[in-house]
Amino acid sequence: MPFTFNINDYDNVEPLPLPLEDPSGPALCSIMYSDEYKEALGLLRRLLLLNELSVRAFNLSTHVIELAPAFYTAWNYRYRVVEHLVAEESKLVGDPSAPAVWLNRELDWLDEFTLSNPKNYQIWSYRQALIANLHPQPALARELPITQLMVDDDSKNYHVWAHRKWACAHFADWSHERRFALTYIQRDPYNNSAWAHRLATWSHDPWDSEDAFTAEFEWTKELIARVPQNVSSWQYLRGLCALHKWDQKLLQRCTQLCEQYNDESSYALEFYGYLCSRDDVNRGQDAVAAYEKLAETMDPIRSGLWRHKIELLRSKHN
């Protein structure tokens, strides 16, 4: 049987009607599904009930997913079918690597489908399951082009950034990612996904010297100086320092940096409040003053949060 959907392949399958098609049901109104959709879903529901794991089940899942790209049940069923077919082919040929060509075709199909459905997160969990569990010869090089293409199209597509991070972690290779993230930060300093990705590179591939950390710290300071009211750069700095060992020298550097921007950046003031509230800094009154300023003028929308932090500090020192 070819890997192409043909309705005639299901002549011996009685579709299982959708629940809302029952006129005696409790629904206030019925969803106006197309006849094509009702037929496809009816067939899928029947094959699911029969637990049929076949080529025609695979073809049906393609058809249903093309009709309803976010239908998680269809993706899950497709994976179980692929898992079964891969095992059967490996057994038949006697070679565990035999399904690689077929799985590469599946990834090719996914690439094309993903480009037409960029905000669909089911795609990525399915793709990761194929790579992690079924593909005998997976490769990071297979994952990078599609993610770059999609990030170029939408530089803040969280699902794509998350998959790229997953792929780098899965293959334990972050060698190209620092520069990759830098490209998008330079294009848009507010791109939080790019900042988070760059921070992940340090988490998985730490600096090999204090000079390397200092260089990254100074680079971040430069980005902060360009756009002081940018939560992404301040959060990055905070995360970077958390990966480094907090010592008095680093605490002082961060405190002095915040003091430069406390009057123009609520994020600097927030970081400053955090630093002053630490036990190893012990400047509780300065922290209270920072949170009061945030609550009253710099960030009144979150005044409840800042008042709560003030109460915690006061109860701690009473």
Foldseek 3Di string as FASTA:
>chain_A
DDLAADPVVCPVFDFQFDPLVPPVDPDPDGDPDDPVLRRLNRRLVRCVVVVDQDSNLLNSLVVNCVVPVQPLVSLVSNLVSVQVVLVVVCVVVVHNQVCQVVVVVVVVVLLVVCVVVVQHLSSLVSVVCCQPPRHPDDDLVSLPPSLVVSCVVPVQNLSSLVSNLVSCVVVVHCPCLLVVLVVVCVVPVQNLSSLVSNLVCCVSPNDPDPVVLVVVLVVLLVSCVVPVAHLSSLVSNVSSVVVPDDDPVVLVVLLVSLVVCLVPYLSSLQVNLVSCLDPVNVNLVSNLVSLVCCCPPVPVVVNVVSVVVNVVSVVVVD
